[in-house]
Amino acid sequence: MINFNFNIRIPGSNHFENIRVWHGSLPVAYKHWELQIYFSADIIDVRAEITAKQSHSGVRLCLGLLGFNVDFNVYDTRHWADGKWVSSDPA
């Protein structure tokens, strides 16, 4: 896993207000995407994650400025258990 995170928040606030979410599947088995826009208590939020061999692994990029945040995620819908992929839905 590679994880980069820089965040400055308003102290004592846990404000979160979802604005809109879009999501869908990719033309590759078990891969989906999600784009979320929301308001939060973040003054600055910069996040980048790359994960593998764990449940819902994939790539995520989050950017936020003055409470307005955009979060984009491409992920695997399967779960990682006992060193192998486990899926309850057909590809």
N, C-alpha and C. Protein backbone atom coordinates (compact mmCIF):
# COMPACT_ATOMS: atom_id res chain seq x y z
N MET A 1 0.84 -1.17 0.00
CA MET A 1 0.00 0.00 0.00
C MET A 1 0.88 1.24 0.00
N ILE A 2 0.52 2.20 -0.82
CA ILE A 2 1.17 3.51 -0.84
C ILE A 2 0.11 4.52 -0.43
N ASN A 3 0.44 5.37 0.54
CA ASN A 3 -0.54 6.31 1.06
C ASN A 3 0.14 7.65 1.31
N PHE A 4 -0.41 8.72 0.72
CA PHE A 4 0.04 10.08 0.98
C PHE A 4 -1.16 10.87 1.46
N ASN A 5 -0.99 11.60 2.57
CA ASN A 5 -2.12 12.34 3.13
C ASN A 5 -1.61 13.63 3.76
N PHE A 6 -2.19 14.75 3.36
CA PHE A 6 -1.93 16.05 3.99
C PHE A 6 -3.29 16.68 4.25
N ASN A 7 -3.55 17.03 5.52
CA ASN A 7 -4.88 17.50 5.88
C ASN A 7 -4.80 18.54 6.98
N ILE A 8 -5.51 19.65 6.79
CA ILE A 8 -5.69 20.66 7.84
C ILE A 8 -7.19 20.82 8.00
N ARG A 9 -7.68 20.60 9.23
CA ARG A 9 -9.12 20.66 9.51
C ARG A 9 -9.45 21.80 10.46
N ILE A 10 -10.71 22.19 10.48
CA ILE A 10 -11.20 23.15 11.46
C ILE A 10 -11.26 22.42 12.80
N PRO A 11 -10.53 22.88 13.81
CA PRO A 11 -10.50 22.17 15.10
C PRO A 11 -11.90 22.03 15.71
N GLY A 12 -12.21 20.82 16.17
CA GLY A 12 -13.47 20.56 16.85
C GLY A 12 -14.67 20.37 15.95
N SER A 13 -14.50 20.46 14.66
CA SER A 13 -15.63 20.31 13.75
C SER A 13 -15.61 18.94 13.08
N ASN A 14 -16.79 18.36 12.91
CA ASN A 14 -16.90 17.10 12.16
C ASN A 14 -17.94 17.25 11.04
N HIS A 15 -18.05 18.46 10.51
CA HIS A 15 -19.03 18.77 9.47
C HIS A 15 -18.81 17.90 8.24
N PHE A 16 -19.89 17.33 7.71
CA PHE A 16 -19.86 16.58 6.47
C PHE A 16 -21.22 16.70 5.81
N GLU A 17 -21.22 17.11 4.55
CA GLU A 17 -22.47 17.24 3.79
C GLU A 17 -22.23 16.75 2.37
N ASN A 18 -22.86 15.65 2.04
CA ASN A 18 -22.70 15.06 0.71
C ASN A 18 -23.45 15.92 -0.32
N ILE A 19 -22.79 16.22 -1.43
CA ILE A 19 -23.42 16.99 -2.50
C ILE A 19 -23.91 16.06 -3.60
N ARG A 20 -23.00 15.22 -4.11
CA ARG A 20 -23.38 14.33 -5.21
C ARG A 20 -22.40 13.18 -5.31
N VAL A 21 -22.90 12.02 -5.74
CA VAL A 21 -22.07 10.84 -5.97
C VAL A 21 -22.44 10.24 -7.31
N TRP A 22 -21.44 9.96 -8.13
CA TRP A 22 -21.62 9.22 -9.37
C TRP A 22 -20.81 7.94 -9.26
N HIS A 23 -21.29 6.86 -9.86
CA HIS A 23 -20.55 5.60 -9.79
C HIS A 23 -20.95 4.72 -10.96
N GLY A 24 -20.10 3.74 -11.24
CA GLY A 24 -20.38 2.83 -12.34
C GLY A 24 -19.34 1.73 -12.42
N SER A 25 -19.53 0.86 -13.38
CA SER A 25 -18.58 -0.23 -13.56
C SER A 25 -17.67 0.06 -14.75
N LEU A 26 -16.51 -0.55 -14.74
CA LEU A 26 -15.56 -0.44 -15.83
C LEU A 26 -15.65 -1.69 -16.70
N PRO A 27 -15.14 -1.64 -17.93
CA PRO A 27 -15.23 -2.82 -18.80
C PRO A 27 -14.26 -3.94 -18.43
N VAL A 28 -13.75 -3.93 -17.22
CA VAL A 28 -12.86 -4.96 -16.70
C VAL A 28 -13.60 -5.64 -15.55
N ALA A 29 -13.52 -6.96 -15.45
CA ALA A 29 -14.25 -7.70 -14.42
C ALA A 29 -13.91 -7.19 -13.02
N TYR A 30 -14.94 -6.99 -12.21
CA TYR A 30 -14.85 -6.62 -10.80
C TYR A 30 -14.34 -5.20 -10.54
N LYS A 31 -14.16 -4.38 -11.56
CA LYS A 31 -13.65 -3.03 -11.35
C LYS A 31 -14.78 -2.01 -11.48
N HIS A 32 -14.82 -1.09 -10.51
CA HIS A 32 -15.83 -0.03 -10.48
C HIS A 32 -15.15 1.30 -10.19
N TRP A 33 -15.89 2.39 -10.43
CA TRP A 33 -15.39 3.73 -10.16
C TRP A 33 -16.44 4.51 -9.38
N GLU A 34 -15.98 5.55 -8.69
CA GLU A 34 -16.88 6.40 -7.93
C GLU A 34 -16.29 7.81 -7.87
N LEU A 35 -17.13 8.81 -8.07
CA LEU A 35 -16.75 10.21 -7.94
C LEU A 35 -17.72 10.85 -6.96
N GLN A 36 -17.17 11.45 -5.91
CA GLN A 36 -18.01 12.05 -4.87
C GLN A 36 -17.58 13.49 -4.65
N ILE A 37 -18.57 14.37 -4.51
CA ILE A 37 -18.33 15.77 -4.20
C ILE A 37 -19.07 16.07 -2.89
N TYR A 38 -18.36 16.71 -1.95
CA TYR A 38 -18.97 16.95 -0.65
C TYR A 38 -18.33 18.15 0.05
N PHE A 39 -19.03 18.69 1.05
CA PHE A 39 -18.50 19.71 1.94
C PHE A 39 -18.02 19.03 3.21
N SER A 40 -16.93 19.54 3.79
CA SER A 40 -16.41 18.96 5.03
C SER A 40 -15.77 20.05 5.88
N ALA A 41 -15.16 19.64 6.98
CA ALA A 41 -14.46 20.56 7.86
C ALA A 41 -13.00 20.74 7.45
N ASP A 42 -12.63 20.24 6.29
CA ASP A 42 -11.25 20.33 5.82
C ASP A 42 -10.95 21.71 5.24
N ILE A 43 -9.88 22.31 5.69
CA ILE A 43 -9.40 23.55 5.09
C ILE A 43 -8.58 23.18 3.86
N ILE A 44 -7.68 22.22 4.03
CA ILE A 44 -6.91 21.65 2.92
C ILE A 44 -6.90 20.14 3.09
N ASP A 45 -7.14 19.42 2.00
CA ASP A 45 -7.09 17.96 2.04
C ASP A 45 -6.50 17.46 0.72
N VAL A 46 -5.37 16.78 0.81
CA VAL A 46 -4.74 16.17 -0.35
C VAL A 46 -4.43 14.73 0.04
N ARG A 47 -4.99 13.79 -0.71
CA ARG A 47 -4.81 12.37 -0.38
C ARG A 47 -4.63 11.58 -1.66
N ALA A 48 -3.70 10.63 -1.64
CA ALA A 48 -3.50 9.70 -2.74
C ALA A 48 -3.21 8.34 -2.14
N GLU A 49 -3.91 7.31 -2.61
CA GLU A 49 -3.73 5.96 -2.08
C GLU A 49 -3.69 4.96 -3.23
N ILE A 50 -2.81 4.00 -3.12
CA ILE A 50 -2.77 2.86 -4.02
C ILE A 50 -2.70 1.62 -3.13
N THR A 51 -3.66 0.73 -3.27
CA THR A 51 -3.69 -0.47 -2.43
C THR A 51 -3.79 -1.72 -3.31
N ALA A 52 -3.30 -2.83 -2.77
CA ALA A 52 -3.34 -4.11 -3.48
C ALA A 52 -3.47 -5.24 -2.45
N LYS A 53 -4.01 -6.34 -2.88
CA LYS A 53 -4.17 -7.54 -2.05
C LYS A 53 -4.83 -7.22 -0.71
N GLN A 54 -5.91 -6.47 -0.78
CA GLN A 54 -6.77 -6.21 0.37
C GLN A 54 -8.18 -5.96 -0.18
N SER A 55 -9.17 -6.04 0.67
CA SER A 55 -10.55 -5.84 0.23
C SER A 55 -10.72 -4.47 -0.41
N HIS A 56 -11.37 -4.42 -1.55
CA HIS A 56 -11.68 -3.20 -2.30
C HIS A 56 -10.43 -2.40 -2.64
N SER A 57 -9.36 -3.09 -3.01
CA SER A 57 -8.11 -2.40 -3.36
C SER A 57 -8.27 -1.62 -4.66
N GLY A 58 -7.41 -0.62 -4.82
CA GLY A 58 -7.47 0.20 -6.02
C GLY A 58 -6.70 1.49 -5.86
N VAL A 59 -7.18 2.53 -6.54
CA VAL A 59 -6.53 3.85 -6.54
C VAL A 59 -7.55 4.88 -6.11
N ARG A 60 -7.13 5.79 -5.21
CA ARG A 60 -8.02 6.85 -4.74
C ARG A 60 -7.26 8.17 -4.72
N LEU A 61 -7.93 9.22 -5.18
CA LEU A 61 -7.37 10.57 -5.16
C LEU A 61 -8.42 11.50 -4.58
N CYS A 62 -8.05 12.25 -3.55
CA CYS A 62 -8.96 13.19 -2.90
C CYS A 62 -8.30 14.57 -2.85
N LEU A 63 -9.06 15.58 -3.22
CA LEU A 63 -8.58 16.96 -3.16
C LEU A 63 -9.65 17.82 -2.51
N GLY A 64 -9.24 18.67 -1.57
CA GLY A 64 -10.18 19.54 -0.91
C GLY A 64 -9.58 20.88 -0.58
N LEU A 65 -10.38 21.93 -0.70
CA LEU A 65 -9.94 23.28 -0.37
C LEU A 65 -11.11 24.06 0.20
N LEU A 66 -10.92 24.62 1.37
CA LEU A 66 -11.91 25.45 2.06
C LEU A 66 -13.26 24.76 2.20
N GLY A 67 -13.23 23.47 2.53
CA GLY A 67 -14.45 22.72 2.78
C GLY A 67 -15.08 22.06 1.59
N PHE A 68 -14.63 22.36 0.39
CA PHE A 68 -15.17 21.74 -0.83
C PHE A 68 -14.23 20.62 -1.24
N ASN A 69 -14.73 19.38 -1.30
CA ASN A 69 -13.89 18.22 -1.55
C ASN A 69 -14.37 17.42 -2.76
N VAL A 70 -13.41 16.83 -3.48
CA VAL A 70 -13.68 15.92 -4.59
C VAL A 70 -12.88 14.65 -4.33
N ASP A 71 -13.56 13.51 -4.42
CA ASP A 71 -12.96 12.21 -4.11
C ASP A 71 -13.22 11.28 -5.29
N PHE A 72 -12.14 10.78 -5.94
CA PHE A 72 -12.28 9.86 -7.06
C PHE A 72 -11.63 8.54 -6.69
N ASN A 73 -12.32 7.44 -6.97
CA ASN A 73 -11.89 6.12 -6.54
C ASN A 73 -12.14 5.09 -7.65
N VAL A 74 -11.14 4.31 -7.99
CA VAL A 74 -11.29 3.14 -8.86
C VAL A 74 -10.91 1.95 -8.00
N TYR A 75 -11.82 0.98 -7.87
CA TYR A 75 -11.61 -0.09 -6.89
C TYR A 75 -12.11 -1.43 -7.40
N ASP A 76 -11.67 -2.47 -6.71
CA ASP A 76 -12.07 -3.85 -6.98
C ASP A 76 -13.22 -4.18 -6.02
N THR A 77 -14.27 -4.79 -6.52
CA THR A 77 -15.43 -5.07 -5.68
C THR A 77 -15.24 -6.32 -4.82
N ARG A 78 -14.20 -7.08 -5.09
CA ARG A 78 -14.00 -8.33 -4.34
C ARG A 78 -13.35 -8.09 -2.98
N HIS A 79 -13.40 -9.12 -2.15
CA HIS A 79 -12.76 -9.10 -0.84
C HIS A 79 -11.53 -10.00 -0.89
N TRP A 80 -10.55 -9.67 -0.07
CA TRP A 80 -9.32 -10.44 0.02
C TRP A 80 -9.38 -11.23 1.32
N ALA A 81 -9.36 -12.56 1.22
CA ALA A 81 -9.45 -13.41 2.42
C ALA A 81 -8.56 -14.63 2.24
N ASP A 82 -7.77 -14.92 3.24
CA ASP A 82 -6.90 -16.10 3.24
C ASP A 82 -5.99 -16.15 2.01
N GLY A 83 -5.49 -15.00 1.57
CA GLY A 83 -4.54 -14.95 0.47
C GLY A 83 -5.14 -15.15 -0.90
N LYS A 84 -6.46 -14.95 -1.07
CA LYS A 84 -7.08 -15.09 -2.38
C LYS A 84 -8.29 -14.17 -2.47
N TRP A 85 -8.71 -13.90 -3.69
CA TRP A 85 -9.89 -13.06 -3.94
C TRP A 85 -11.16 -13.85 -3.71
N VAL A 86 -12.13 -13.24 -3.06
CA VAL A 86 -13.42 -13.87 -2.80
C VAL A 86 -14.50 -12.92 -3.32
N SER A 87 -15.42 -13.47 -4.13
CA SER A 87 -16.48 -12.65 -4.69
C SER A 87 -17.81 -13.36 -4.53
N SER A 88 -18.84 -12.59 -4.21
CA SER A 88 -20.18 -13.16 -4.10
C SER A 88 -21.01 -12.87 -5.34
N ASP A 89 -20.48 -12.05 -6.24
CA ASP A 89 -21.22 -11.73 -7.47
C ASP A 89 -20.46 -12.21 -8.69
N PRO A 90 -21.16 -12.66 -9.73
CA PRO A 90 -20.48 -13.11 -10.96
C PRO A 90 -19.89 -11.93 -11.72
N ALA A 91 -18.81 -12.17 -12.43
CA ALA A 91 -18.12 -11.10 -13.18
C ALA A 91 -18.94 -10.58 -14.33
